[in-house]
Amino acid sequence: MVMNIVDINNRIAKKTPLLYEEILISSDTVLYIVEINNLKMIPDFDRYISLANKIKSNYKNEKSLLQSLAGKCLLLHGLEKRMNKRISEDDIMMEKLEHGKPYLVNHRDIEFNISHSGDFAICSISMHSTGVDIENTDRKNTDILPLKKTFTCKEREKYNLEDFFRIWVMKESYLKMKGTGLSYDMTKLETDEINDVNFYLFNFDKYIVSVSEPIICE
């Protein structure tokens, strides 16, 4: 098997500005996106607030609180669509794996992953392991220099911003799919050698997104 990168920019609705979107990634995976200052764009948002507040999370400031709330409301909406019913507290009971990846205690057949950056939050819902990452690409070179310490020697040669953010979101989404997160040494992960995953990539506005899911052999 070889690494499979799928450009899905043609699946993104040409909305300006993008406030809320649902994207079919594959037959098993759906991605939800929302602009965090427009949470009411999420269908039934008002109904999700009380449930969302029952999901524990950490945040540093008002913006990170809003990002967290956006991700949780996307999760709740996505779960309702996947389960085809109104969800309850029992449906969102969670535990964490060894390296911190959360899972649904009463729905082990449903996987999810959340990411946020800047003014956007995203959430993938899948029947398989899934990982997502979104990054704001509107940064100066000096802003990304510390992050380049996470690249392999070969990847450090790819210094333009487009390559940098593409590699970064691919690594993040892959490690989140695997459940290791940033506990894994990224300098040992060569993206060109990953051969067990499909990467779905797209850009909008000043953001880049990667969704990872395992290659399933029929």
N, C-alpha and C. Protein backbone atom coordinates (compact mmCIF):
# COMPACT_ATOMS: atom_id res chain seq x y z
N MET A 1 0.84 -1.20 0.00
CA MET A 1 0.00 0.00 0.00
C MET A 1 0.87 1.25 0.00
N VAL A 2 0.35 2.34 -0.56
CA VAL A 2 1.06 3.61 -0.54
C VAL A 2 0.15 4.66 0.05
N MET A 3 0.76 5.75 0.52
CA MET A 3 -0.02 6.83 1.10
C MET A 3 -0.96 7.40 0.06
N ASN A 4 -2.18 7.66 0.44
CA ASN A 4 -3.18 8.17 -0.48
C ASN A 4 -3.63 9.54 -0.01
N ILE A 5 -3.37 10.57 -0.81
CA ILE A 5 -3.79 11.94 -0.50
C ILE A 5 -4.90 12.32 -1.47
N VAL A 6 -6.05 12.69 -0.92
CA VAL A 6 -7.21 13.04 -1.73
C VAL A 6 -7.53 14.52 -1.55
N ASP A 7 -7.47 15.26 -2.64
CA ASP A 7 -7.84 16.69 -2.62
C ASP A 7 -9.36 16.78 -2.73
N ILE A 8 -10.02 17.31 -1.70
CA ILE A 8 -11.49 17.38 -1.72
C ILE A 8 -11.98 18.82 -1.77
N ASN A 9 -11.17 19.73 -2.31
CA ASN A 9 -11.61 21.12 -2.42
C ASN A 9 -12.88 21.26 -3.24
N ASN A 10 -13.10 20.33 -4.18
CA ASN A 10 -14.31 20.42 -5.01
C ASN A 10 -15.58 20.03 -4.25
N ARG A 11 -15.44 19.53 -3.02
CA ARG A 11 -16.62 19.17 -2.22
C ARG A 11 -17.06 20.32 -1.31
N ILE A 12 -16.28 21.38 -1.28
CA ILE A 12 -16.59 22.50 -0.39
C ILE A 12 -17.50 23.48 -1.10
N ALA A 13 -18.60 23.81 -0.49
CA ALA A 13 -19.52 24.79 -1.07
C ALA A 13 -18.82 26.14 -1.17
N LYS A 14 -19.00 26.80 -2.28
CA LYS A 14 -18.34 28.09 -2.50
C LYS A 14 -19.11 29.21 -1.82
N LYS A 15 -19.05 29.20 -0.48
CA LYS A 15 -19.75 30.21 0.30
C LYS A 15 -18.75 31.25 0.78
N THR A 16 -19.15 32.50 0.74
CA THR A 16 -18.29 33.58 1.27
C THR A 16 -19.14 34.49 2.13
N PRO A 17 -18.91 34.54 3.44
CA PRO A 17 -17.94 33.69 4.14
C PRO A 17 -18.52 32.31 4.47
N LEU A 18 -17.65 31.35 4.75
CA LEU A 18 -18.09 30.03 5.18
C LEU A 18 -18.42 30.10 6.67
N LEU A 19 -19.66 29.77 7.02
CA LEU A 19 -20.09 29.83 8.41
C LEU A 19 -20.37 28.45 8.99
N TYR A 20 -20.97 27.57 8.16
CA TYR A 20 -21.28 26.21 8.60
C TYR A 20 -21.31 25.31 7.38
N GLU A 21 -20.75 24.11 7.53
CA GLU A 21 -20.73 23.20 6.39
C GLU A 21 -20.68 21.75 6.88
N GLU A 22 -21.34 20.86 6.14
CA GLU A 22 -21.23 19.42 6.36
C GLU A 22 -20.64 18.82 5.09
N ILE A 23 -19.56 18.04 5.23
CA ILE A 23 -18.86 17.50 4.07
C ILE A 23 -18.77 15.99 4.18
N LEU A 24 -19.24 15.29 3.16
CA LEU A 24 -19.10 13.84 3.12
C LEU A 24 -17.68 13.51 2.70
N ILE A 25 -16.89 12.99 3.64
CA ILE A 25 -15.49 12.67 3.37
C ILE A 25 -15.38 11.34 2.64
N SER A 26 -16.09 10.34 3.15
CA SER A 26 -16.14 9.02 2.52
C SER A 26 -17.48 8.40 2.88
N SER A 27 -17.70 7.16 2.49
CA SER A 27 -18.97 6.51 2.79
C SER A 27 -19.18 6.33 4.28
N ASP A 28 -18.09 6.39 5.06
CA ASP A 28 -18.18 6.17 6.50
C ASP A 28 -17.94 7.41 7.35
N THR A 29 -17.51 8.50 6.74
CA THR A 29 -17.06 9.66 7.52
C THR A 29 -17.68 10.96 7.04
N VAL A 30 -18.17 11.76 8.00
CA VAL A 30 -18.71 13.09 7.70
C VAL A 30 -17.95 14.10 8.53
N LEU A 31 -17.62 15.24 7.93
CA LEU A 31 -16.92 16.32 8.62
C LEU A 31 -17.87 17.50 8.76
N TYR A 32 -17.88 18.10 9.97
CA TYR A 32 -18.71 19.28 10.26
C TYR A 32 -17.79 20.46 10.58
N ILE A 33 -18.11 21.61 10.03
CA ILE A 33 -17.31 22.82 10.22
C ILE A 33 -18.23 23.95 10.66
N VAL A 34 -17.75 24.79 11.62
CA VAL A 34 -18.52 25.96 11.99
C VAL A 34 -17.58 27.11 12.36
N GLU A 35 -18.00 28.30 12.02
CA GLU A 35 -17.30 29.51 12.45
C GLU A 35 -17.77 29.80 13.87
N ILE A 36 -16.84 29.94 14.81
CA ILE A 36 -17.20 29.90 16.23
C ILE A 36 -18.03 31.09 16.68
N ASN A 37 -18.07 32.15 15.91
CA ASN A 37 -18.92 33.29 16.27
C ASN A 37 -20.32 33.18 15.66
N ASN A 38 -20.58 32.06 15.00
CA ASN A 38 -21.89 31.84 14.38
C ASN A 38 -22.41 30.44 14.71
N LEU A 39 -22.37 30.09 16.01
CA LEU A 39 -22.76 28.75 16.42
C LEU A 39 -24.23 28.46 16.14
N LYS A 40 -25.05 29.48 16.04
CA LYS A 40 -26.48 29.25 15.78
C LYS A 40 -26.72 28.74 14.37
N MET A 41 -25.66 28.70 13.56
CA MET A 41 -25.79 28.10 12.24
C MET A 41 -25.88 26.58 12.34
N ILE A 42 -25.44 26.01 13.48
CA ILE A 42 -25.55 24.57 13.70
C ILE A 42 -27.02 24.23 13.94
N PRO A 43 -27.60 23.34 13.15
CA PRO A 43 -29.01 22.98 13.38
C PRO A 43 -29.25 22.53 14.82
N ASP A 44 -30.30 23.05 15.43
CA ASP A 44 -30.69 22.71 16.81
C ASP A 44 -29.63 23.12 17.84
N PHE A 45 -28.85 24.13 17.53
CA PHE A 45 -27.78 24.57 18.43
C PHE A 45 -28.29 24.85 19.84
N ASP A 46 -29.41 25.56 19.98
CA ASP A 46 -29.92 25.93 21.30
C ASP A 46 -30.20 24.70 22.17
N ARG A 47 -30.60 23.63 21.53
CA ARG A 47 -30.91 22.41 22.27
C ARG A 47 -29.64 21.69 22.76
N TYR A 48 -28.51 21.95 22.11
CA TYR A 48 -27.28 21.25 22.46
C TYR A 48 -26.51 21.88 23.62
N ILE A 49 -26.81 23.13 23.94
CA ILE A 49 -26.01 23.87 24.91
C ILE A 49 -25.89 23.13 26.25
N SER A 50 -26.99 22.71 26.82
CA SER A 50 -26.95 22.08 28.15
C SER A 50 -26.17 20.78 28.11
N LEU A 51 -26.34 19.99 27.04
CA LEU A 51 -25.59 18.74 26.92
C LEU A 51 -24.10 19.00 26.72
N ALA A 52 -23.80 20.01 25.91
CA ALA A 52 -22.39 20.33 25.63
C ALA A 52 -21.65 20.70 26.91
N ASN A 53 -22.33 21.38 27.81
CA ASN A 53 -21.68 21.80 29.05
C ASN A 53 -21.40 20.64 30.00
N LYS A 54 -21.97 19.47 29.70
CA LYS A 54 -21.72 18.29 30.52
C LYS A 54 -20.46 17.54 30.07
N ILE A 55 -19.94 17.91 28.90
CA ILE A 55 -18.70 17.30 28.40
C ILE A 55 -17.52 18.10 28.94
N LYS A 56 -16.69 17.48 29.76
CA LYS A 56 -15.59 18.19 30.40
C LYS A 56 -14.54 18.60 29.37
N SER A 57 -13.98 19.79 29.56
CA SER A 57 -12.91 20.26 28.69
C SER A 57 -12.14 21.35 29.40
N ASN A 58 -10.92 21.59 28.93
CA ASN A 58 -10.08 22.64 29.50
C ASN A 58 -9.98 23.79 28.51
N TYR A 59 -9.95 25.01 29.02
CA TYR A 59 -9.78 26.16 28.16
C TYR A 59 -9.05 27.27 28.92
N LYS A 60 -8.32 28.08 28.15
CA LYS A 60 -7.45 29.09 28.74
C LYS A 60 -8.10 30.48 28.79
N ASN A 61 -8.98 30.76 27.85
CA ASN A 61 -9.56 32.09 27.77
C ASN A 61 -10.93 32.00 27.08
N GLU A 62 -11.54 33.14 26.87
CA GLU A 62 -12.88 33.17 26.31
C GLU A 62 -12.92 32.57 24.91
N LYS A 63 -11.89 32.84 24.11
CA LYS A 63 -11.89 32.30 22.74
C LYS A 63 -11.76 30.78 22.75
N SER A 64 -10.88 30.25 23.60
CA SER A 64 -10.74 28.79 23.65
C SER A 64 -12.00 28.13 24.20
N LEU A 65 -12.72 28.84 25.08
CA LEU A 65 -14.01 28.36 25.56
C LEU A 65 -15.00 28.25 24.41
N LEU A 66 -15.01 29.27 23.56
CA LEU A 66 -15.92 29.28 22.41
C LEU A 66 -15.54 28.19 21.42
N GLN A 67 -14.24 28.00 21.20
CA GLN A 67 -13.78 26.93 20.31
C GLN A 67 -14.22 25.56 20.83
N SER A 68 -14.06 25.37 22.14
CA SER A 68 -14.44 24.11 22.75
C SER A 68 -15.94 23.86 22.63
N LEU A 69 -16.74 24.89 22.90
CA LEU A 69 -18.19 24.77 22.80
C LEU A 69 -18.60 24.45 21.37
N ALA A 70 -17.95 25.09 20.40
CA ALA A 70 -18.27 24.84 18.99
C ALA A 70 -17.99 23.39 18.63
N GLY A 71 -16.84 22.87 19.03
CA GLY A 71 -16.50 21.49 18.73
C GLY A 71 -17.48 20.51 19.34
N LYS A 72 -17.88 20.77 20.59
CA LYS A 72 -18.81 19.87 21.27
C LYS A 72 -20.20 19.91 20.63
N CYS A 73 -20.64 21.08 20.22
CA CYS A 73 -21.97 21.17 19.58
C CYS A 73 -21.96 20.48 18.21
N LEU A 74 -20.85 20.59 17.48
CA LEU A 74 -20.73 19.86 16.22
C LEU A 74 -20.79 18.35 16.48
N LEU A 75 -20.11 17.92 17.54
CA LEU A 75 -20.12 16.51 17.89
C LEU A 75 -21.55 16.03 18.18
N LEU A 76 -22.28 16.79 18.99
CA LEU A 76 -23.64 16.40 19.35
C LEU A 76 -24.55 16.34 18.13
N HIS A 77 -24.42 17.33 17.26
CA HIS A 77 -25.23 17.35 16.04
C HIS A 77 -24.88 16.15 15.15
N GLY A 78 -23.57 15.90 15.00
CA GLY A 78 -23.14 14.80 14.16
C GLY A 78 -23.58 13.45 14.71
N LEU A 79 -23.54 13.30 16.03
CA LEU A 79 -23.99 12.04 16.64
C LEU A 79 -25.48 11.82 16.42
N GLU A 80 -26.27 12.88 16.55
CA GLU A 80 -27.70 12.74 16.32
C GLU A 80 -27.99 12.29 14.89
N LYS A 81 -27.26 12.85 13.95
CA LYS A 81 -27.48 12.47 12.56
C LYS A 81 -27.04 11.03 12.32
N ARG A 82 -25.92 10.64 12.95
CA ARG A 82 -25.41 9.28 12.77
C ARG A 82 -26.35 8.26 13.42
N MET A 83 -26.85 8.58 14.63
CA MET A 83 -27.72 7.65 15.36
C MET A 83 -29.18 7.73 14.94
N ASN A 84 -29.49 8.83 14.26
CA ASN A 84 -30.87 9.06 13.79
C ASN A 84 -31.86 9.09 14.96
N LYS A 85 -31.46 9.77 16.03
CA LYS A 85 -32.34 9.93 17.18
C LYS A 85 -31.86 11.10 18.02
N ARG A 86 -32.71 11.59 18.92
CA ARG A 86 -32.30 12.64 19.84
C ARG A 86 -31.41 12.02 20.91
N ILE A 87 -30.21 12.55 21.08
CA ILE A 87 -29.26 11.93 22.00
C ILE A 87 -29.51 12.37 23.44
N SER A 88 -29.00 11.56 24.36
CA SER A 88 -29.16 11.81 25.79
C SER A 88 -27.78 11.83 26.45
N GLU A 89 -27.76 12.06 27.76
CA GLU A 89 -26.49 12.04 28.49
C GLU A 89 -25.81 10.69 28.38
N ASP A 90 -26.57 9.62 28.37
CA ASP A 90 -25.97 8.29 28.25
C ASP A 90 -25.21 8.13 26.94
N ASP A 91 -25.70 8.79 25.89
CA ASP A 91 -25.06 8.67 24.58
C ASP A 91 -23.70 9.35 24.53
N ILE A 92 -23.49 10.34 25.39
CA ILE A 92 -22.23 11.10 25.32
C ILE A 92 -21.30 10.80 26.49
N MET A 93 -21.55 9.71 27.22
CA MET A 93 -20.62 9.29 28.27
C MET A 93 -19.28 8.94 27.63
N MET A 94 -18.20 9.52 28.16
CA MET A 94 -16.88 9.33 27.54
C MET A 94 -15.84 8.85 28.54
N GLU A 95 -14.88 8.10 28.01
CA GLU A 95 -13.66 7.74 28.71
C GLU A 95 -12.51 8.07 27.77
N LYS A 96 -11.28 7.94 28.27
CA LYS A 96 -10.12 8.24 27.44
C LYS A 96 -9.19 7.05 27.33
N LEU A 97 -8.58 6.92 26.15
CA LEU A 97 -7.58 5.89 25.94
C LEU A 97 -6.28 6.30 26.61
N GLU A 98 -5.27 5.47 26.52
CA GLU A 98 -4.01 5.68 27.24
C GLU A 98 -3.41 7.07 27.02
N HIS A 99 -3.43 7.54 25.78
CA HIS A 99 -2.81 8.83 25.47
C HIS A 99 -3.81 9.98 25.38
N GLY A 100 -5.01 9.76 25.91
CA GLY A 100 -5.96 10.87 26.05
C GLY A 100 -7.03 10.99 24.99
N LYS A 101 -7.03 10.09 24.00
CA LYS A 101 -8.08 10.21 22.98
C LYS A 101 -9.41 9.76 23.56
N PRO A 102 -10.46 10.59 23.49
CA PRO A 102 -11.76 10.22 24.07
C PRO A 102 -12.53 9.26 23.18
N TYR A 103 -13.39 8.47 23.81
CA TYR A 103 -14.27 7.60 23.05
C TYR A 103 -15.63 7.54 23.77
N LEU A 104 -16.66 7.15 23.03
CA LEU A 104 -18.01 7.05 23.57
C LEU A 104 -18.18 5.69 24.23
N VAL A 105 -18.46 5.70 25.52
CA VAL A 105 -18.56 4.47 26.29
C VAL A 105 -19.66 3.55 25.76
N ASN A 106 -20.80 4.13 25.43
CA ASN A 106 -21.95 3.32 25.03
C ASN A 106 -22.13 3.20 23.52
N HIS A 107 -21.18 3.73 22.76
CA HIS A 107 -21.26 3.65 21.29
C HIS A 107 -19.86 3.45 20.73
N ARG A 108 -19.25 2.31 21.05
CA ARG A 108 -17.88 2.06 20.61
C ARG A 108 -17.79 1.88 19.09
N ASP A 109 -18.94 1.73 18.43
CA ASP A 109 -18.93 1.59 16.97
C ASP A 109 -18.88 2.95 16.26
N ILE A 110 -18.94 4.04 17.02
CA ILE A 110 -18.87 5.38 16.43
C ILE A 110 -17.60 6.07 16.92
N GLU A 111 -16.80 6.56 15.97
CA GLU A 111 -15.57 7.28 16.30
C GLU A 111 -15.75 8.77 15.98
N PHE A 112 -15.02 9.60 16.70
CA PHE A 112 -15.09 11.04 16.42
C PHE A 112 -13.75 11.69 16.73
N ASN A 113 -13.56 12.87 16.20
CA ASN A 113 -12.38 13.66 16.52
C ASN A 113 -12.69 15.13 16.28
N ILE A 114 -12.12 15.99 17.12
CA ILE A 114 -12.40 17.43 17.08
C ILE A 114 -11.09 18.21 16.97
N SER A 115 -11.13 19.31 16.26
CA SER A 115 -9.98 20.22 16.19
C SER A 115 -10.50 21.64 16.03
N HIS A 116 -9.71 22.62 16.44
CA HIS A 116 -10.08 24.01 16.21
C HIS A 116 -8.83 24.87 16.06
N SER A 117 -8.99 25.94 15.34
CA SER A 117 -7.90 26.89 15.12
C SER A 117 -8.51 28.22 14.72
N GLY A 118 -8.02 29.29 15.32
CA GLY A 118 -8.55 30.61 14.97
C GLY A 118 -10.04 30.70 15.19
N ASP A 119 -10.77 31.01 14.14
CA ASP A 119 -12.22 31.23 14.24
C ASP A 119 -13.05 30.02 13.83
N PHE A 120 -12.42 28.85 13.68
CA PHE A 120 -13.17 27.69 13.21
C PHE A 120 -12.95 26.46 14.07
N ALA A 121 -14.00 25.63 14.15
CA ALA A 121 -13.92 24.33 14.80
C ALA A 121 -14.42 23.30 13.81
N ILE A 122 -13.86 22.09 13.90
CA ILE A 122 -14.29 21.01 13.02
C ILE A 122 -14.46 19.73 13.84
N CYS A 123 -15.30 18.83 13.35
CA CYS A 123 -15.52 17.55 14.02
C CYS A 123 -15.82 16.49 12.98
N SER A 124 -15.13 15.36 13.05
CA SER A 124 -15.42 14.25 12.16
C SER A 124 -16.15 13.16 12.94
N ILE A 125 -17.12 12.54 12.29
CA ILE A 125 -17.87 11.41 12.83
C ILE A 125 -17.70 10.26 11.85
N SER A 126 -17.31 9.08 12.36
CA SER A 126 -16.99 7.99 11.45
C SER A 126 -17.32 6.63 12.06
N MET A 127 -17.39 5.64 11.21
CA MET A 127 -17.54 4.26 11.65
C MET A 127 -16.16 3.61 11.86
N HIS A 128 -15.10 4.34 11.48
CA HIS A 128 -13.74 3.86 11.67
C HIS A 128 -12.95 4.88 12.47
N SER A 129 -11.76 4.53 12.88
CA SER A 129 -10.90 5.48 13.56
C SER A 129 -10.72 6.71 12.68
N THR A 130 -10.75 7.89 13.29
CA THR A 130 -10.68 9.12 12.51
C THR A 130 -9.84 10.17 13.25
N GLY A 131 -9.16 10.99 12.50
CA GLY A 131 -8.37 12.08 13.08
C GLY A 131 -8.49 13.31 12.20
N VAL A 132 -8.59 14.50 12.81
CA VAL A 132 -8.72 15.73 12.04
C VAL A 132 -7.78 16.80 12.60
N ASP A 133 -7.39 17.70 11.73
CA ASP A 133 -6.65 18.88 12.19
C ASP A 133 -6.95 20.05 11.26
N ILE A 134 -7.11 21.22 11.86
CA ILE A 134 -7.29 22.46 11.11
C ILE A 134 -6.26 23.45 11.61
N GLU A 135 -5.65 24.19 10.69
CA GLU A 135 -4.66 25.19 11.07
C GLU A 135 -4.89 26.48 10.30
N ASN A 136 -4.68 27.58 11.00
CA ASN A 136 -4.72 28.91 10.39
C ASN A 136 -3.37 29.15 9.73
N THR A 137 -3.34 29.31 8.42
CA THR A 137 -2.08 29.45 7.69
C THR A 137 -1.60 30.89 7.60
N ASP A 138 -2.34 31.80 8.20
CA ASP A 138 -1.99 33.22 8.13
C ASP A 138 -0.98 33.55 9.22
N ARG A 139 0.23 33.03 9.08
CA ARG A 139 1.29 33.27 10.05
C ARG A 139 2.56 33.69 9.34
N LYS A 140 3.40 34.42 10.02
CA LYS A 140 4.69 34.82 9.47
C LYS A 140 5.68 33.68 9.64
N ASN A 141 6.76 33.70 8.86
CA ASN A 141 7.78 32.66 8.96
C ASN A 141 8.29 32.50 10.38
N THR A 142 8.44 33.63 11.10
CA THR A 142 8.97 33.56 12.46
C THR A 142 8.04 32.82 13.40
N ASP A 143 6.75 32.80 13.06
CA ASP A 143 5.78 32.13 13.92
C ASP A 143 5.90 30.61 13.84
N ILE A 144 6.41 30.09 12.72
CA ILE A 144 6.44 28.65 12.54
C ILE A 144 7.81 28.04 12.78
N LEU A 145 8.82 28.85 13.02
CA LEU A 145 10.16 28.30 13.25
C LEU A 145 10.20 27.29 14.39
N PRO A 146 9.58 27.55 15.56
CA PRO A 146 9.62 26.54 16.63
C PRO A 146 8.94 25.24 16.23
N LEU A 147 7.90 25.32 15.40
CA LEU A 147 7.18 24.12 15.00
C LEU A 147 8.01 23.24 14.07
N LYS A 148 8.98 23.82 13.39
CA LYS A 148 9.79 23.04 12.46
C LYS A 148 10.67 22.04 13.20
N LYS A 149 10.78 22.18 14.51
CA LYS A 149 11.54 21.21 15.30
C LYS A 149 10.81 19.86 15.34
N THR A 150 9.55 19.85 14.91
CA THR A 150 8.79 18.60 14.92
C THR A 150 8.93 17.85 13.60
N PHE A 151 9.68 18.40 12.64
CA PHE A 151 9.81 17.78 11.33
C PHE A 151 11.05 16.89 11.26
N THR A 152 11.04 15.93 10.33
CA THR A 152 12.22 15.12 10.07
C THR A 152 13.22 15.96 9.30
N CYS A 153 14.43 15.44 9.16
CA CYS A 153 15.47 16.18 8.43
C CYS A 153 15.02 16.47 7.00
N LYS A 154 14.39 15.48 6.35
CA LYS A 154 13.94 15.67 4.97
C LYS A 154 12.86 16.75 4.91
N GLU A 155 11.96 16.73 5.86
CA GLU A 155 10.85 17.69 5.84
C GLU A 155 11.31 19.11 6.14
N ARG A 156 12.41 19.25 6.87
CA ARG A 156 12.90 20.60 7.17
C ARG A 156 13.37 21.34 5.93
N GLU A 157 13.63 20.59 4.87
CA GLU A 157 14.05 21.21 3.62
C GLU A 157 12.86 21.85 2.90
N LYS A 158 11.66 21.44 3.26
CA LYS A 158 10.45 21.99 2.64
C LYS A 158 10.02 23.21 3.44
N TYR A 159 10.59 24.32 3.14
CA TYR A 159 10.46 25.48 4.01
C TYR A 159 9.36 26.44 3.62
N ASN A 160 8.74 26.29 2.44
CA ASN A 160 7.70 27.26 2.11
C ASN A 160 6.45 26.97 2.93
N LEU A 161 5.64 27.98 3.14
CA LEU A 161 4.49 27.89 4.03
C LEU A 161 3.48 26.83 3.60
N GLU A 162 3.27 26.72 2.29
CA GLU A 162 2.28 25.75 1.81
C GLU A 162 2.66 24.34 2.21
N ASP A 163 3.92 23.97 2.00
CA ASP A 163 4.38 22.63 2.39
C ASP A 163 4.35 22.45 3.90
N PHE A 164 4.76 23.50 4.62
CA PHE A 164 4.82 23.39 6.07
C PHE A 164 3.47 23.02 6.66
N PHE A 165 2.43 23.77 6.32
CA PHE A 165 1.13 23.54 6.92
C PHE A 165 0.50 22.23 6.42
N ARG A 166 0.76 21.87 5.18
CA ARG A 166 0.24 20.60 4.67
C ARG A 166 0.82 19.43 5.47
N ILE A 167 2.13 19.44 5.68
CA ILE A 167 2.77 18.37 6.44
C ILE A 167 2.29 18.38 7.89
N TRP A 168 2.16 19.57 8.45
CA TRP A 168 1.75 19.68 9.85
C TRP A 168 0.37 19.08 10.09
N VAL A 169 -0.63 19.47 9.26
CA VAL A 169 -1.99 18.96 9.49
C VAL A 169 -2.09 17.47 9.20
N MET A 170 -1.29 16.98 8.25
CA MET A 170 -1.30 15.56 7.97
C MET A 170 -0.77 14.77 9.17
N LYS A 171 0.33 15.25 9.75
CA LYS A 171 0.89 14.56 10.92
C LYS A 171 -0.08 14.60 12.10
N GLU A 172 -0.63 15.76 12.36
CA GLU A 172 -1.57 15.90 13.48
C GLU A 172 -2.77 14.97 13.31
N SER A 173 -3.39 15.01 12.15
CA SER A 173 -4.59 14.19 11.95
C SER A 173 -4.25 12.70 12.01
N TYR A 174 -3.08 12.33 11.51
CA TYR A 174 -2.66 10.92 11.54
C TYR A 174 -2.46 10.44 12.98
N LEU A 175 -1.74 11.22 13.76
CA LEU A 175 -1.46 10.81 15.14
C LEU A 175 -2.73 10.82 15.99
N LYS A 176 -3.65 11.74 15.70
CA LYS A 176 -4.92 11.75 16.42
C LYS A 176 -5.77 10.53 16.03
N MET A 177 -5.71 10.15 14.77
CA MET A 177 -6.41 8.95 14.34
C MET A 177 -5.86 7.73 15.07
N LYS A 178 -4.53 7.66 15.20
CA LYS A 178 -3.87 6.53 15.85
C LYS A 178 -4.10 6.54 17.37
N GLY A 179 -4.47 7.72 17.90
CA GLY A 179 -4.72 7.80 19.34
C GLY A 179 -3.49 8.14 20.16
N THR A 180 -2.37 8.49 19.49
CA THR A 180 -1.15 8.83 20.23
C THR A 180 -1.04 10.33 20.48
N GLY A 181 -1.62 11.13 19.59
CA GLY A 181 -1.54 12.58 19.75
C GLY A 181 -0.09 13.04 19.77
N LEU A 182 0.16 14.15 20.47
CA LEU A 182 1.50 14.73 20.49
C LEU A 182 2.44 14.00 21.45
N SER A 183 1.99 12.89 22.03
CA SER A 183 2.89 12.10 22.86
C SER A 183 3.93 11.40 22.00
N TYR A 184 3.67 11.29 20.69
CA TYR A 184 4.60 10.65 19.76
C TYR A 184 5.61 11.68 19.25
N ASP A 185 6.86 11.26 19.08
CA ASP A 185 7.92 12.14 18.59
C ASP A 185 7.74 12.37 17.10
N MET A 186 7.29 13.57 16.74
CA MET A 186 7.00 13.86 15.34
C MET A 186 8.24 13.82 14.46
N THR A 187 9.41 14.03 15.03
CA THR A 187 10.64 14.01 14.22
C THR A 187 10.94 12.60 13.71
N LYS A 188 10.20 11.61 14.21
CA LYS A 188 10.40 10.23 13.75
C LYS A 188 9.31 9.80 12.77
N LEU A 189 8.42 10.71 12.45
CA LEU A 189 7.31 10.38 11.55
C LEU A 189 7.51 11.07 10.20
N GLU A 190 7.83 10.28 9.19
CA GLU A 190 8.04 10.80 7.84
C GLU A 190 6.74 10.63 7.07
N THR A 191 6.12 11.74 6.69
CA THR A 191 4.81 11.66 6.05
C THR A 191 4.85 10.85 4.75
N ASP A 192 5.95 10.95 4.00
CA ASP A 192 6.05 10.23 2.73
C ASP A 192 6.09 8.72 2.91
N GLU A 193 6.31 8.27 4.13
CA GLU A 193 6.42 6.83 4.38
C GLU A 193 5.16 6.25 5.04
N ILE A 194 4.17 7.09 5.30
CA ILE A 194 2.91 6.60 5.87
C ILE A 194 2.13 5.86 4.80
N ASN A 195 1.77 4.61 5.05
CA ASN A 195 1.14 3.80 4.01
C ASN A 195 -0.14 3.10 4.45
N ASP A 196 -0.69 3.51 5.59
CA ASP A 196 -1.88 2.81 6.09
C ASP A 196 -3.08 3.72 6.27
N VAL A 197 -3.10 4.86 5.56
CA VAL A 197 -4.14 5.86 5.82
C VAL A 197 -4.50 6.62 4.54
N ASN A 198 -5.74 7.07 4.48
CA ASN A 198 -6.17 8.04 3.46
C ASN A 198 -6.16 9.42 4.10
N PHE A 199 -5.53 10.38 3.44
CA PHE A 199 -5.56 11.77 3.87
C PHE A 199 -6.50 12.55 2.95
N TYR A 200 -7.47 13.23 3.52
CA TYR A 200 -8.37 14.09 2.75
C TYR A 200 -8.04 15.53 3.10
N LEU A 201 -7.59 16.29 2.12
CA LEU A 201 -7.09 17.65 2.37
C LEU A 201 -7.93 18.68 1.61
N PHE A 202 -8.14 19.83 2.25
CA PHE A 202 -8.76 20.95 1.54
C PHE A 202 -8.41 22.26 2.24
N ASN A 203 -8.57 23.34 1.49
CA ASN A 203 -8.31 24.69 1.98
C ASN A 203 -9.57 25.52 1.86
N PHE A 204 -9.72 26.48 2.76
CA PHE A 204 -10.74 27.51 2.59
C PHE A 204 -10.26 28.74 3.34
N ASP A 205 -10.57 29.89 2.77
CA ASP A 205 -10.12 31.15 3.36
C ASP A 205 -8.62 31.03 3.67
N LYS A 206 -8.21 31.22 4.93
CA LYS A 206 -6.79 31.12 5.30
C LYS A 206 -6.52 29.86 6.12
N TYR A 207 -7.33 28.82 5.93
CA TYR A 207 -7.20 27.60 6.71
C TYR A 207 -6.91 26.39 5.83
N ILE A 208 -6.24 25.40 6.41
CA ILE A 208 -6.03 24.12 5.76
C ILE A 208 -6.50 23.02 6.71
N VAL A 209 -7.15 21.99 6.15
CA VAL A 209 -7.74 20.92 6.95
C VAL A 209 -7.26 19.57 6.42
N SER A 210 -6.98 18.66 7.35
CA SER A 210 -6.68 17.27 6.99
C SER A 210 -7.58 16.34 7.79
N VAL A 211 -8.17 15.38 7.10
CA VAL A 211 -8.95 14.32 7.74
C VAL A 211 -8.27 12.99 7.42
N SER A 212 -7.98 12.20 8.43
CA SER A 212 -7.33 10.91 8.23
C SER A 212 -8.27 9.78 8.61
N GLU A 213 -8.25 8.73 7.79
CA GLU A 213 -8.96 7.51 8.13
C GLU A 213 -8.17 6.33 7.58
N PRO A 214 -8.25 5.19 8.24
CA PRO A 214 -7.44 4.04 7.82
C PRO A 214 -7.86 3.51 6.47
N ILE A 215 -6.90 2.99 5.73
CA ILE A 215 -7.21 2.30 4.47
C ILE A 215 -7.80 0.94 4.84
N ILE A 216 -9.00 0.70 4.40
CA ILE A 216 -9.70 -0.55 4.71
C ILE A 216 -9.56 -1.51 3.55
N CYS A 217 -8.97 -2.66 3.82
CA CYS A 217 -8.80 -3.69 2.78
C CYS A 217 -10.03 -4.58 2.76
N GLU A 218 -10.71 -4.60 1.64
CA GLU A 218 -11.92 -5.45 1.54
C GLU A 218 -11.55 -6.92 1.43
